[in-house]
Amino acid sequence: MPKDSVRLALAGCTKGYVFTVGARMGDIVNGINIPPGTHLRMNGSKKLIREIDAYKDSMVALTGLMKKGQFDQTGIGIGPLRLAPAQAGTVGSGGGPSLVGEPPEIDVEGWAPATGQCPS
């Protein structure tokens, strides 16, 4: 496993390449606390994503790798975007807030059906 990554086990719902984190899975402790409702972009082969997406009406459990610094909850969530303070020295920031619209990514290693239904 790369030193800049952490292995996660998450339950949630999928739609295409988007995974929405559901309630925590039992006693599984991850290196990153990702709250329910967070959207993650799944990276994997088209075949793997199609297999997972076939369960879009039911919860699935994913295991995968995520870069450690990629999940940042700085700022305020507005729908799928986050309004975050500008970083010092950011080109074109002007010192004002910035919108961060790219969801964090997870490199899917495996998956399994989980208990529960997903909202339609």
N, C-alpha and C. Protein backbone atom coordinates (compact mmCIF):
# COMPACT_ATOMS: atom_id res chain seq x y z
N MET A 1 0.85 -1.17 0.00
CA MET A 1 0.00 0.00 0.00
C MET A 1 0.89 1.24 0.00
N PRO A 2 0.58 2.22 -0.84
CA PRO A 2 1.38 3.45 -0.86
C PRO A 2 1.34 4.17 0.48
N LYS A 3 2.43 4.83 0.86
CA LYS A 3 2.52 5.51 2.15
C LYS A 3 1.56 6.70 2.24
N ASP A 4 1.20 7.29 1.09
CA ASP A 4 0.33 8.46 1.10
C ASP A 4 -1.15 8.09 1.00
N SER A 5 -1.47 6.80 1.18
CA SER A 5 -2.86 6.33 1.05
C SER A 5 -3.30 5.61 2.31
N VAL A 6 -4.62 5.44 2.42
CA VAL A 6 -5.21 4.70 3.52
C VAL A 6 -6.26 3.76 2.93
N ARG A 7 -6.36 2.57 3.49
CA ARG A 7 -7.36 1.59 3.03
C ARG A 7 -8.65 1.84 3.80
N LEU A 8 -9.77 1.91 3.08
CA LEU A 8 -11.07 2.17 3.68
C LEU A 8 -12.02 1.02 3.44
N ALA A 9 -12.95 0.84 4.33
CA ALA A 9 -14.08 -0.08 4.16
C ALA A 9 -15.32 0.74 4.46
N LEU A 10 -16.16 0.95 3.45
CA LEU A 10 -17.32 1.82 3.57
C LEU A 10 -18.57 1.14 3.03
N ALA A 11 -19.71 1.45 3.62
CA ALA A 11 -20.99 0.99 3.10
C ALA A 11 -21.71 2.20 2.53
N GLY A 12 -22.48 1.98 1.48
CA GLY A 12 -23.22 3.09 0.89
C GLY A 12 -23.94 2.68 -0.37
N CYS A 13 -24.29 3.68 -1.16
CA CYS A 13 -25.06 3.48 -2.39
C CYS A 13 -24.29 4.01 -3.58
N THR A 14 -24.57 3.46 -4.75
CA THR A 14 -23.85 3.87 -5.96
C THR A 14 -24.82 4.32 -7.04
N LYS A 15 -24.29 5.14 -7.92
CA LYS A 15 -24.99 5.52 -9.14
C LYS A 15 -23.89 5.87 -10.13
N GLY A 16 -23.68 4.97 -11.10
CA GLY A 16 -22.58 5.17 -12.04
C GLY A 16 -21.25 5.08 -11.30
N TYR A 17 -20.43 6.11 -11.44
CA TYR A 17 -19.12 6.14 -10.79
C TYR A 17 -19.15 6.85 -9.43
N VAL A 18 -20.33 7.25 -8.97
CA VAL A 18 -20.45 7.99 -7.71
C VAL A 18 -20.90 7.04 -6.59
N PHE A 19 -20.16 7.07 -5.49
CA PHE A 19 -20.49 6.28 -4.30
C PHE A 19 -20.87 7.27 -3.21
N THR A 20 -22.05 7.09 -2.61
CA THR A 20 -22.50 7.94 -1.51
C THR A 20 -22.36 7.16 -0.22
N VAL A 21 -21.56 7.66 0.68
CA VAL A 21 -21.26 6.98 1.93
C VAL A 21 -22.51 6.89 2.79
N GLY A 22 -22.77 5.69 3.32
CA GLY A 22 -23.90 5.46 4.21
C GLY A 22 -23.42 5.42 5.66
N ALA A 23 -24.23 4.85 6.52
CA ALA A 23 -23.89 4.73 7.94
C ALA A 23 -22.66 3.85 8.11
N ARG A 24 -21.93 4.06 9.20
CA ARG A 24 -20.71 3.28 9.49
C ARG A 24 -21.01 1.79 9.54
N MET A 25 -20.01 1.01 9.14
CA MET A 25 -20.12 -0.45 9.16
C MET A 25 -19.56 -0.99 10.48
N GLY A 26 -20.42 -1.35 11.39
CA GLY A 26 -20.03 -2.02 12.63
C GLY A 26 -18.78 -1.50 13.29
N ASP A 27 -17.82 -2.40 13.52
CA ASP A 27 -16.61 -2.07 14.26
C ASP A 27 -15.44 -1.72 13.36
N ILE A 28 -15.67 -1.50 12.08
CA ILE A 28 -14.57 -1.19 11.17
C ILE A 28 -14.09 0.24 11.42
N VAL A 29 -12.82 0.37 11.70
CA VAL A 29 -12.21 1.68 11.95
C VAL A 29 -11.34 2.04 10.76
N ASN A 30 -11.60 3.19 10.17
CA ASN A 30 -10.82 3.68 9.04
C ASN A 30 -9.89 4.78 9.51
N GLY A 31 -8.86 5.04 8.73
CA GLY A 31 -7.93 6.12 9.05
C GLY A 31 -8.50 7.49 8.78
N ILE A 32 -9.64 7.56 8.08
CA ILE A 32 -10.26 8.82 7.73
C ILE A 32 -11.73 8.74 8.13
N ASN A 33 -12.24 9.75 8.82
CA ASN A 33 -13.64 9.78 9.19
C ASN A 33 -14.43 10.45 8.07
N ILE A 34 -15.18 9.68 7.31
CA ILE A 34 -15.96 10.21 6.21
C ILE A 34 -17.43 10.13 6.61
N PRO A 35 -18.09 11.28 6.76
CA PRO A 35 -19.48 11.28 7.24
C PRO A 35 -20.45 10.75 6.19
N PRO A 36 -21.57 10.16 6.67
CA PRO A 36 -22.61 9.70 5.75
C PRO A 36 -23.08 10.84 4.85
N GLY A 37 -23.38 10.50 3.60
CA GLY A 37 -23.84 11.50 2.63
C GLY A 37 -22.73 12.04 1.75
N THR A 38 -21.47 11.76 2.11
CA THR A 38 -20.35 12.23 1.31
C THR A 38 -20.29 11.47 0.00
N HIS A 39 -20.04 12.18 -1.10
CA HIS A 39 -19.92 11.56 -2.42
C HIS A 39 -18.45 11.31 -2.73
N LEU A 40 -18.15 10.10 -3.21
CA LEU A 40 -16.80 9.73 -3.62
C LEU A 40 -16.85 9.28 -5.07
N ARG A 41 -15.83 9.58 -5.83
CA ARG A 41 -15.72 9.09 -7.22
C ARG A 41 -14.99 7.77 -7.18
N MET A 42 -15.62 6.71 -7.71
CA MET A 42 -15.01 5.39 -7.73
C MET A 42 -14.10 5.25 -8.95
N ASN A 43 -12.88 4.80 -8.73
CA ASN A 43 -11.95 4.48 -9.80
C ASN A 43 -11.82 2.97 -9.85
N GLY A 44 -11.94 2.42 -11.03
CA GLY A 44 -11.81 0.99 -11.23
C GLY A 44 -12.11 0.66 -12.68
N SER A 45 -11.95 -0.60 -13.02
CA SER A 45 -12.22 -1.01 -14.40
C SER A 45 -13.71 -0.83 -14.71
N LYS A 46 -14.03 -0.67 -15.99
CA LYS A 46 -15.43 -0.51 -16.39
C LYS A 46 -16.24 -1.72 -15.96
N LYS A 47 -15.65 -2.90 -16.06
CA LYS A 47 -16.34 -4.13 -15.67
C LYS A 47 -16.70 -4.10 -14.18
N LEU A 48 -15.74 -3.71 -13.34
CA LEU A 48 -15.95 -3.64 -11.90
C LEU A 48 -17.05 -2.63 -11.56
N ILE A 49 -17.00 -1.46 -12.17
CA ILE A 49 -17.99 -0.43 -11.90
C ILE A 49 -19.38 -0.88 -12.36
N ARG A 50 -19.47 -1.57 -13.50
CA ARG A 50 -20.76 -2.10 -13.97
C ARG A 50 -21.32 -3.13 -12.98
N GLU A 51 -20.45 -3.99 -12.45
CA GLU A 51 -20.89 -4.99 -11.45
C GLU A 51 -21.46 -4.30 -10.22
N ILE A 52 -20.75 -3.28 -9.73
CA ILE A 52 -21.20 -2.55 -8.55
C ILE A 52 -22.50 -1.81 -8.85
N ASP A 53 -22.57 -1.16 -10.01
CA ASP A 53 -23.74 -0.35 -10.37
C ASP A 53 -24.99 -1.20 -10.54
N ALA A 54 -24.84 -2.49 -10.79
CA ALA A 54 -25.99 -3.39 -10.91
C ALA A 54 -26.75 -3.47 -9.58
N TYR A 55 -26.11 -3.09 -8.48
CA TYR A 55 -26.71 -3.11 -7.15
C TYR A 55 -27.13 -1.71 -6.70
N LYS A 56 -27.41 -0.80 -7.64
CA LYS A 56 -27.68 0.59 -7.28
C LYS A 56 -28.91 0.78 -6.41
N ASP A 57 -29.80 -0.20 -6.34
CA ASP A 57 -30.98 -0.09 -5.48
C ASP A 57 -30.72 -0.63 -4.08
N SER A 58 -29.58 -1.30 -3.90
CA SER A 58 -29.22 -1.88 -2.60
C SER A 58 -27.88 -1.33 -2.13
N MET A 59 -27.67 -1.39 -0.84
CA MET A 59 -26.39 -0.94 -0.27
C MET A 59 -25.29 -1.91 -0.69
N VAL A 60 -24.08 -1.36 -0.85
CA VAL A 60 -22.90 -2.17 -1.12
C VAL A 60 -21.81 -1.77 -0.14
N ALA A 61 -20.89 -2.68 0.09
CA ALA A 61 -19.72 -2.41 0.93
C ALA A 61 -18.50 -2.37 0.01
N LEU A 62 -17.75 -1.28 0.05
CA LEU A 62 -16.55 -1.13 -0.77
C LEU A 62 -15.31 -1.20 0.10
N THR A 63 -14.25 -1.74 -0.45
CA THR A 63 -12.92 -1.58 0.14
C THR A 63 -12.06 -0.96 -0.95
N GLY A 64 -11.20 -0.05 -0.53
CA GLY A 64 -10.36 0.60 -1.52
C GLY A 64 -9.37 1.54 -0.88
N LEU A 65 -8.56 2.16 -1.72
CA LEU A 65 -7.53 3.08 -1.28
C LEU A 65 -7.92 4.52 -1.59
N MET A 66 -7.57 5.40 -0.66
CA MET A 66 -7.83 6.82 -0.84
C MET A 66 -6.61 7.59 -0.36
N LYS A 67 -6.22 8.61 -1.10
CA LYS A 67 -5.08 9.44 -0.69
C LYS A 67 -5.42 10.13 0.63
N LYS A 68 -4.45 10.20 1.54
CA LYS A 68 -4.69 10.75 2.88
C LYS A 68 -5.13 12.20 2.87
N GLY A 69 -4.51 13.06 2.09
CA GLY A 69 -4.84 14.48 2.12
C GLY A 69 -6.01 14.88 1.26
N GLN A 70 -6.63 13.95 0.59
CA GLN A 70 -7.66 14.27 -0.37
C GLN A 70 -9.01 14.61 0.24
N PHE A 71 -9.31 14.05 1.41
CA PHE A 71 -10.60 14.34 2.05
C PHE A 71 -10.41 15.46 3.04
N ASP A 72 -10.86 16.65 2.67
CA ASP A 72 -10.71 17.84 3.50
C ASP A 72 -12.09 18.43 3.73
N GLN A 73 -12.49 18.55 4.98
CA GLN A 73 -13.80 19.09 5.29
C GLN A 73 -13.75 20.57 5.63
N THR A 74 -12.70 21.27 5.21
CA THR A 74 -12.60 22.69 5.46
C THR A 74 -13.70 23.39 4.68
N GLY A 75 -14.34 24.34 5.28
CA GLY A 75 -15.37 25.11 4.58
C GLY A 75 -16.76 24.62 4.88
N ILE A 76 -17.70 25.08 4.07
CA ILE A 76 -19.12 24.79 4.26
C ILE A 76 -19.64 24.03 3.05
N GLY A 77 -20.36 22.94 3.29
CA GLY A 77 -20.93 22.17 2.20
C GLY A 77 -22.17 22.84 1.64
N ILE A 78 -22.22 22.98 0.31
CA ILE A 78 -23.38 23.53 -0.38
C ILE A 78 -23.70 22.54 -1.50
N GLY A 79 -24.64 21.64 -1.24
CA GLY A 79 -24.92 20.58 -2.20
C GLY A 79 -23.68 19.75 -2.42
N PRO A 80 -23.31 19.47 -3.69
CA PRO A 80 -22.11 18.68 -3.95
C PRO A 80 -20.81 19.48 -3.89
N LEU A 81 -20.91 20.78 -3.63
CA LEU A 81 -19.72 21.65 -3.59
C LEU A 81 -19.38 22.03 -2.16
N ARG A 82 -18.14 22.49 -1.93
CA ARG A 82 -17.72 23.03 -0.64
C ARG A 82 -17.19 24.43 -0.87
N LEU A 83 -17.65 25.38 -0.06
CA LEU A 83 -17.13 26.74 -0.08
C LEU A 83 -16.03 26.77 0.97
N ALA A 84 -14.78 26.89 0.49
CA ALA A 84 -13.62 26.79 1.38
C ALA A 84 -12.80 28.06 1.32
N PRO A 85 -12.10 28.40 2.42
CA PRO A 85 -11.22 29.56 2.39
C PRO A 85 -10.11 29.34 1.37
N ALA A 86 -9.70 30.41 0.71
CA ALA A 86 -8.62 30.31 -0.27
C ALA A 86 -7.31 30.03 0.43
N GLN A 87 -6.45 29.24 -0.21
CA GLN A 87 -5.13 28.94 0.32
C GLN A 87 -4.21 30.12 0.04
N ALA A 88 -3.34 30.45 0.96
CA ALA A 88 -2.38 31.52 0.75
C ALA A 88 -1.50 31.19 -0.45
N GLY A 89 -1.34 32.15 -1.33
CA GLY A 89 -0.48 31.95 -2.49
C GLY A 89 -1.17 31.25 -3.65
N THR A 90 -2.47 30.99 -3.54
CA THR A 90 -3.19 30.35 -4.63
C THR A 90 -3.36 31.34 -5.77
N VAL A 91 -3.00 30.96 -6.98
CA VAL A 91 -3.09 31.84 -8.14
C VAL A 91 -4.55 32.19 -8.39
N GLY A 92 -4.82 33.48 -8.51
CA GLY A 92 -6.16 33.95 -8.83
C GLY A 92 -7.13 33.90 -7.68
N SER A 93 -6.66 33.62 -6.48
CA SER A 93 -7.59 33.50 -5.36
C SER A 93 -8.07 34.87 -4.89
N GLY A 94 -7.21 35.87 -4.94
CA GLY A 94 -7.61 37.19 -4.47
C GLY A 94 -7.93 37.21 -3.00
N GLY A 95 -7.59 36.14 -2.29
CA GLY A 95 -7.83 36.09 -0.84
C GLY A 95 -9.25 35.74 -0.47
N GLY A 96 -10.15 35.58 -1.45
CA GLY A 96 -11.55 35.26 -1.16
C GLY A 96 -11.78 33.77 -1.10
N PRO A 97 -13.03 33.38 -0.81
CA PRO A 97 -13.34 31.95 -0.76
C PRO A 97 -13.31 31.31 -2.14
N SER A 98 -13.15 30.00 -2.18
CA SER A 98 -13.15 29.28 -3.45
C SER A 98 -14.10 28.10 -3.36
N LEU A 99 -14.67 27.72 -4.50
CA LEU A 99 -15.53 26.54 -4.56
C LEU A 99 -14.70 25.34 -4.93
N VAL A 100 -14.85 24.28 -4.17
CA VAL A 100 -14.15 23.03 -4.43
C VAL A 100 -15.20 22.04 -4.88
N GLY A 101 -15.19 21.66 -6.17
CA GLY A 101 -16.27 20.85 -6.70
C GLY A 101 -15.93 19.41 -7.02
N GLU A 102 -14.67 19.05 -7.01
CA GLU A 102 -14.29 17.68 -7.35
C GLU A 102 -14.45 16.80 -6.12
N PRO A 103 -15.24 15.71 -6.24
CA PRO A 103 -15.36 14.82 -5.09
C PRO A 103 -14.07 14.04 -4.86
N PRO A 104 -13.82 13.65 -3.62
CA PRO A 104 -12.66 12.79 -3.35
C PRO A 104 -12.80 11.48 -4.13
N GLU A 105 -11.68 10.82 -4.39
CA GLU A 105 -11.70 9.58 -5.17
C GLU A 105 -11.27 8.40 -4.32
N ILE A 106 -11.84 7.24 -4.65
CA ILE A 106 -11.45 5.99 -4.00
C ILE A 106 -11.12 4.99 -5.11
N ASP A 107 -9.96 4.36 -4.99
CA ASP A 107 -9.55 3.30 -5.92
C ASP A 107 -10.13 1.99 -5.38
N VAL A 108 -11.17 1.51 -6.02
CA VAL A 108 -11.90 0.34 -5.52
C VAL A 108 -11.07 -0.92 -5.70
N GLU A 109 -10.89 -1.65 -4.59
CA GLU A 109 -10.18 -2.93 -4.62
C GLU A 109 -11.16 -4.10 -4.62
N GLY A 110 -12.29 -3.93 -3.96
CA GLY A 110 -13.28 -4.99 -3.88
C GLY A 110 -14.60 -4.45 -3.38
N TRP A 111 -15.62 -5.29 -3.48
CA TRP A 111 -16.95 -4.88 -3.03
C TRP A 111 -17.78 -6.11 -2.71
N ALA A 112 -18.89 -5.89 -2.01
CA ALA A 112 -19.83 -6.96 -1.70
C ALA A 112 -21.19 -6.33 -1.44
N PRO A 113 -22.27 -7.07 -1.70
CA PRO A 113 -23.59 -6.55 -1.34
C PRO A 113 -23.66 -6.35 0.18
N ALA A 114 -24.38 -5.34 0.62
CA ALA A 114 -24.56 -5.06 2.04
C ALA A 114 -26.05 -5.00 2.36
N THR A 115 -26.39 -5.03 3.62
CA THR A 115 -27.77 -4.99 4.05
C THR A 115 -28.29 -3.55 3.97
N GLY A 116 -29.46 -3.41 3.40
CA GLY A 116 -30.11 -2.09 3.35
C GLY A 116 -30.50 -1.71 1.94
N GLN A 117 -31.43 -0.77 1.85
CA GLN A 117 -31.91 -0.25 0.57
C GLN A 117 -31.41 1.17 0.38
N CYS A 118 -31.27 1.55 -0.87
CA CYS A 118 -30.85 2.90 -1.22
C CYS A 118 -32.07 3.70 -1.64
N PRO A 119 -32.07 5.01 -1.34
CA PRO A 119 -33.19 5.84 -1.79
C PRO A 119 -33.23 5.91 -3.30
N SER A 120 -34.42 6.01 -3.85
CA SER A 120 -34.57 6.07 -5.31
C SER A 120 -34.28 7.43 -5.85
